[in-house]
Protein backbone atom coordinates (compact mmCIF):
# COMPACT_ATOMS: atom_id res chain seq x y z
CA MET A 1 0.11 -0.07 -0.19
CA THR A 2 1.81 3.14 1.24
CA GLN A 3 5.26 3.21 1.23
CA ASN A 4 6.60 6.56 1.90
CA LEU A 5 5.70 10.09 2.10
CA GLN A 6 5.42 10.92 -1.45
CA SER A 7 3.44 7.77 -2.34
CA THR A 8 0.29 8.88 -4.40
CA THR A 9 -3.66 7.90 -4.73
CA THR A 10 -4.65 8.47 -8.54
CA LEU A 11 -7.62 10.16 -8.80
CA HIS A 12 -10.43 9.24 -11.14
CA ASN A 13 -8.85 11.70 -13.53
CA GLY A 14 -5.72 10.20 -13.64
CA VAL A 15 -4.44 12.98 -11.08
CA ARG A 16 -1.73 11.64 -8.46
CA MET A 17 -2.70 12.94 -5.06
CA PRO A 18 -0.62 12.36 -1.96
CA TRP A 19 -1.69 10.46 0.66
CA PHE A 20 -0.74 12.56 3.30
CA GLY A 21 -0.11 16.42 3.39
CA ILE A 22 -0.48 19.10 6.16
CA GLY A 23 -3.75 21.30 6.91
CA VAL A 24 -3.16 24.60 8.04
CA PHE A 25 -6.97 25.45 9.62
CA LYS A 26 -6.86 28.20 12.12
CA VAL A 27 -3.23 28.85 11.42
CA GLU A 28 -3.03 32.76 11.15
CA GLU A 29 -1.15 34.76 8.46
CA GLY A 30 2.61 34.97 10.01
CA SER A 31 5.75 33.51 10.45
CA GLU A 32 4.53 30.88 12.35
CA LEU A 33 2.29 29.52 9.61
CA VAL A 34 5.38 30.04 6.68
CA ASN A 35 8.05 28.31 8.80
CA ALA A 36 5.46 25.00 9.39
CA VAL A 37 4.82 24.96 5.53
CA LYS A 38 8.85 25.41 5.09
CA ALA A 39 9.28 22.44 7.70
CA ALA A 40 7.06 20.25 6.10
CA VAL A 41 8.07 20.12 2.58
CA LYS A 42 11.68 20.25 3.67
CA HIS A 43 10.67 17.15 5.54
CA GLY A 44 9.52 15.53 2.41
CA TYR A 45 5.87 16.71 2.37
CA ARG A 46 4.55 17.66 -0.77
CA SER A 47 0.39 18.34 -0.31
CA ILE A 48 -0.41 21.26 1.38
CA ASP A 49 -4.23 22.02 1.98
CA THR A 50 -5.89 25.56 2.73
CA ALA A 51 -9.16 27.49 2.12
CA ALA A 52 -10.13 31.10 1.77
CA ILE A 53 -11.85 30.92 4.98
CA TYR A 54 -8.56 30.33 6.81
CA ALA A 55 -7.87 33.74 5.75
CA ASN A 56 -4.19 32.31 5.65
CA GLU A 57 -3.38 31.97 1.47
CA ASN A 58 -0.98 34.61 1.51
CA SER A 59 1.33 33.21 4.06
CA VAL A 60 0.70 29.79 2.37
CA GLY A 61 1.77 31.32 -0.68
CA GLN A 62 4.72 32.80 0.28
CA ALA A 63 5.99 29.67 2.30
CA ILE A 64 5.63 27.73 -1.15
CA GLN A 65 7.91 30.22 -3.14
CA GLU A 66 10.39 30.02 -0.46
CA ALA A 67 10.12 25.87 0.21
CA LEU A 68 10.54 25.42 -3.61
CA SER A 69 13.57 27.55 -3.81
CA GLU A 70 15.23 26.40 -0.74
CA ASN A 71 14.53 22.58 -1.45
CA ASN A 72 15.50 23.04 -5.37
CA LEU A 73 11.65 21.82 -6.33
CA SER A 74 9.34 22.87 -8.72
CA ARG A 75 6.04 23.62 -9.04
CA GLU A 76 4.92 20.61 -10.28
CA ASP A 77 6.22 18.56 -7.30
CA LEU A 78 3.36 20.11 -4.84
CA PHE A 79 0.14 18.92 -4.32
CA VAL A 80 -1.85 22.53 -3.34
CA THR A 81 -5.72 22.76 -2.17
CA SER A 82 -7.83 25.45 -1.79
CA LYS A 83 -11.58 25.88 -1.02
CA VAL A 84 -14.32 28.07 -1.95
CA TRP A 85 -16.37 29.56 0.84
CA ASN A 86 -20.02 29.47 1.29
CA ALA A 87 -20.38 33.31 0.73
CA ASP A 88 -18.81 33.08 -2.89
CA LEU A 89 -21.17 30.03 -4.36
CA GLY A 90 -22.94 30.78 -7.29
CA TYR A 91 -21.32 30.56 -10.89
CA GLU A 92 -19.77 33.97 -11.13
CA GLU A 93 -18.52 34.38 -7.70
CA THR A 94 -16.97 31.01 -7.60
CA ARG A 95 -15.06 31.73 -10.59
CA ALA A 96 -14.03 35.14 -9.07
CA ALA A 97 -13.47 33.24 -5.52
CA TYR A 98 -10.99 30.91 -7.51
CA GLU A 99 -9.16 33.76 -8.97
CA ALA A 100 -8.79 35.82 -5.55
CA SER A 101 -7.41 32.60 -4.27
CA LEU A 102 -4.72 32.06 -6.87
CA ASP A 103 -3.89 35.61 -6.37
CA LYS A 104 -3.44 35.51 -2.76
CA LEU A 105 -1.42 32.18 -3.17
CA GLY A 106 0.64 33.63 -5.89
CA LEU A 107 0.16 30.26 -8.06
CA ASP A 108 -1.30 29.85 -11.75
CA TYR A 109 -3.48 26.85 -10.94
CA LEU A 110 -4.27 24.65 -8.28
CA ASP A 111 -3.92 20.98 -7.76
CA LEU A 112 -7.33 20.67 -6.02
CA TYR A 113 -10.11 22.93 -5.75
CA LEU A 114 -13.08 22.21 -3.26
CA ILE A 115 -16.58 23.47 -2.47
CA HIS A 116 -16.05 23.81 1.27
CA TRP A 117 -19.72 23.17 2.37
CA PRO A 118 -22.85 21.77 0.74
CA VAL A 119 -25.14 24.92 1.14
CA GLN A 120 -28.29 24.12 0.10
CA GLY A 121 -29.51 25.18 -3.78
CA LYS A 122 -25.82 27.14 -3.93
CA TYR A 123 -23.56 24.05 -4.71
CA LYS A 124 -24.93 23.17 -8.31
CA GLU A 125 -23.82 26.60 -9.60
CA ALA A 126 -20.66 26.68 -7.81
CA TRP A 127 -20.01 23.12 -9.20
CA ARG A 128 -20.64 24.28 -12.84
CA ALA A 129 -18.03 27.17 -12.03
CA LEU A 130 -15.55 24.44 -10.96
CA GLU A 131 -16.33 22.01 -14.03
CA SER A 132 -15.63 25.26 -16.55
CA LEU A 133 -12.32 26.10 -14.19
CA TYR A 134 -11.57 22.31 -14.71
CA LYS A 135 -12.22 22.16 -18.43
CA GLU A 136 -10.11 25.34 -19.21
CA GLY A 137 -7.59 23.39 -17.66
CA ARG A 138 -6.92 25.94 -14.67
CA ILE A 139 -7.38 23.32 -11.91
CA LYS A 140 -6.18 19.87 -12.18
CA ALA A 141 -8.79 18.38 -10.22
CA ILE A 142 -12.22 19.35 -8.29
CA GLY A 143 -13.98 18.33 -5.67
CA VAL A 144 -16.34 18.76 -2.56
CA SER A 145 -15.73 18.89 1.26
CA ASN A 146 -18.44 18.05 4.15
CA PHE A 147 -20.98 16.70 1.72
CA GLN A 148 -22.91 13.85 2.94
CA ILE A 149 -24.08 10.59 0.65
CA HIS A 150 -27.49 12.44 -0.32
CA HIS A 151 -25.60 15.66 -1.30
CA LEU A 152 -22.89 13.70 -3.76
CA GLU A 153 -26.04 12.04 -5.12
CA ASP A 154 -27.88 15.55 -5.77
CA LEU A 155 -24.78 17.06 -7.11
CA MET A 156 -24.13 14.02 -9.40
CA LYS A 157 -27.65 14.03 -11.10
CA ASP A 158 -27.03 17.34 -12.70
CA ALA A 159 -22.86 17.47 -12.79
CA GLU A 160 -21.18 16.75 -15.95
CA ILE A 161 -17.76 15.75 -14.01
CA LYS A 162 -17.92 13.79 -10.69
CA PRO A 163 -16.07 15.28 -7.89
CA MET A 164 -12.54 13.76 -7.62
CA VAL A 165 -12.14 14.25 -3.91
CA ASN A 166 -14.73 14.30 -0.78
CA GLN A 167 -12.99 15.90 2.18
CA VAL A 168 -14.74 15.17 5.55
CA GLU A 169 -14.40 15.21 9.31
CA PHE A 170 -13.16 11.44 9.75
CA HIS A 171 -11.79 10.02 12.87
CA PRO A 172 -12.06 6.98 14.93
CA GLN A 173 -14.78 8.48 16.84
CA LEU A 174 -16.17 9.45 13.48
CA THR A 175 -15.86 6.75 10.96
CA GLN A 176 -18.39 7.63 8.29
CA ALA A 177 -18.12 4.08 7.10
CA GLU A 178 -20.99 4.08 4.82
CA LEU A 179 -19.96 7.23 3.33
CA LEU A 180 -16.49 5.97 2.78
CA GLN A 181 -18.08 2.71 0.99
CA PHE A 182 -20.23 5.22 -1.05
CA CYS A 183 -17.19 7.14 -2.01
CA GLN A 184 -15.37 3.82 -2.70
CA LYS A 185 -17.74 2.93 -4.67
CA ASN A 186 -17.91 5.99 -6.91
CA ASN A 187 -14.41 6.58 -7.40
CA ILE A 188 -14.48 9.69 -5.25
CA GLN A 189 -11.12 9.69 -2.99
CA MET A 190 -12.22 10.40 0.75
CA GLU A 191 -9.98 12.82 2.29
CA ALA A 192 -9.94 12.95 6.35
CA TRP A 193 -10.04 16.69 7.92
CA SER A 194 -9.39 16.80 11.90
CA PRO A 195 -8.25 13.17 12.01
CA LEU A 196 -6.78 13.14 15.49
CA MET A 197 -10.07 14.98 16.52
CA GLN A 198 -8.35 18.32 17.45
CA GLY A 199 -6.13 16.22 19.82
CA GLN A 200 -9.02 14.78 22.07
CA LEU A 201 -8.13 10.82 21.25
CA LEU A 202 -4.31 11.23 22.06
CA ASP A 203 -4.83 9.81 25.51
CA HIS A 204 -7.48 7.20 24.31
CA PRO A 205 -6.51 3.80 26.24
CA VAL A 206 -7.53 1.39 23.18
CA LEU A 207 -5.35 3.61 20.79
CA GLN A 208 -2.21 4.11 23.42
CA ASP A 209 -2.57 0.12 24.17
CA ILE A 210 -1.84 -0.20 20.01
CA ALA A 211 0.57 2.31 19.79
CA ASN A 212 2.45 0.99 22.85
CA LYS A 213 2.57 -2.59 20.64
CA TYR A 214 4.17 -0.75 17.66
CA GLY A 215 6.54 1.71 20.01
CA LYS A 216 4.30 4.67 17.76
CA SER A 217 2.61 7.21 19.26
CA VAL A 218 -1.58 7.65 19.02
CA ALA A 219 -1.10 10.07 16.26
CA GLN A 220 0.78 8.35 14.29
CA VAL A 221 -1.43 5.09 14.77
CA ILE A 222 -4.70 7.24 14.12
CA LEU A 223 -2.81 8.54 10.92
CA ARG A 224 -1.88 4.99 9.52
CA TRP A 225 -5.32 3.83 10.35
CA ASP A 226 -6.56 6.56 7.82
CA VAL A 227 -3.98 5.42 4.89
CA GLN A 228 -4.53 1.72 5.06
CA GLN A 229 -8.19 2.62 4.78
CA GLY A 230 -7.68 4.15 1.46
CA VAL A 231 -8.20 7.78 2.96
CA VAL A 232 -5.98 10.64 2.31
CA THR A 233 -5.04 12.53 5.53
CA ILE A 234 -3.74 16.09 6.23
CA PRO A 235 -3.08 16.78 10.11
CA LYS A 236 -2.56 20.31 11.21
CA SER A 237 0.21 21.01 13.08
CA THR A 238 2.56 24.50 13.11
CA LYS A 239 5.64 22.38 15.49
CA ALA A 240 8.50 21.38 13.21
CA HIS A 241 9.08 18.26 15.38
CA ARG A 242 5.30 17.02 15.75
CA ILE A 243 5.31 17.75 11.69
CA VAL A 244 8.13 15.21 11.10
CA GLU A 245 6.57 12.60 13.97
CA ASN A 246 2.92 12.61 12.20
CA ALA A 247 4.37 11.60 8.92
CA ASP A 248 6.31 8.71 10.53
CA ILE A 249 3.89 6.07 9.69
CA PHE A 250 5.29 4.42 6.71
CA ASP A 251 7.50 1.67 8.62
CA PHE A 252 5.08 -0.28 10.56
CA GLU A 253 1.47 -1.65 9.38
CA LEU A 254 -1.72 -2.20 11.63
CA THR A 255 -3.18 -5.88 11.48
CA ARG A 256 -6.78 -6.37 10.51
CA GLU A 257 -7.58 -6.71 14.27
CA ASP A 258 -6.02 -3.24 15.33
CA MET A 259 -7.97 -1.75 12.30
CA ASP A 260 -11.08 -3.37 13.64
CA GLN A 261 -10.51 -2.06 17.26
CA ILE A 262 -10.11 1.17 16.28
CA GLN A 263 -13.19 0.97 13.67
CA ALA A 264 -14.96 0.21 17.09
CA LEU A 265 -14.63 3.40 18.96
CA ASN A 266 -17.29 4.81 16.37
CA ALA A 267 -19.52 7.26 18.48
CA ASN A 268 -20.95 9.56 15.85
CA LEU A 269 -18.87 12.39 17.22
CA ARG A 270 -18.07 15.62 15.64
CA VAL A 271 -15.55 18.45 16.43
CA GLY A 272 -16.54 20.29 13.42
CA PRO A 273 -20.32 21.39 12.18
CA ASP A 274 -22.98 18.76 11.20
CA PRO A 275 -22.94 19.10 7.59
CA ASP A 276 -26.87 18.49 7.28
CA ASN A 277 -27.48 21.28 10.26
CA PHE A 278 -25.17 24.34 9.79
CA ASP A 279 -25.89 27.91 9.42
CA PHE A 280 -23.02 29.68 8.13
């Protein structure tokens, strides 16, 4: 399966996406963020996930430029994701939001652009905009975030192009088994945000036992569980040692029994909003 930090999954349009990346949710513009992204790239990360609403695309862009030159990489070596916010869902608005994100990031294209939330009555027009940008060759891949099965079914009824990725909250207490099955059946790559449940799982006794068995941290066990299920994962950290530690998951493999034990921790618990009931 996944052999190293640069291993990729192939999306249904043939684009290769790293299984592992760094997320920058809630990290403010500034040197802490720039240094975190640069540390990630230096240590082998090739995927960076941001969003318009995080209000940090300028610093992410600065970090990308500096990391490319310092590590002798080209733009094509990185996989950069951003997302269109709810206020910009609409055909023209979404196209304009894409341009604004590119401008802040200082990039010519994005590898992946996502609709951030399934705002009823608005996501289909936004999807039409993503399809047009994709067909124009402006984006390598397009997808959605926080979409449940019924949102995906509704979108695909009218879509010309099926989403390539669905990024959702996913961790051992929210295993989303039916959604994962649906995405796999429809060749939509699932991606986990908040894979560590914002740190709430790090002292869980079951996970601690499994971690002890492998001489790994609980975080490493959870992230390994993600990729072994075929789920792309983007843990967030701003500390260089943690960024390195999070990615050190390619030298061990969880057994079927371990995987089932972790799966059994599901409690349908969310740390983020419910995609069927949000008001922003």
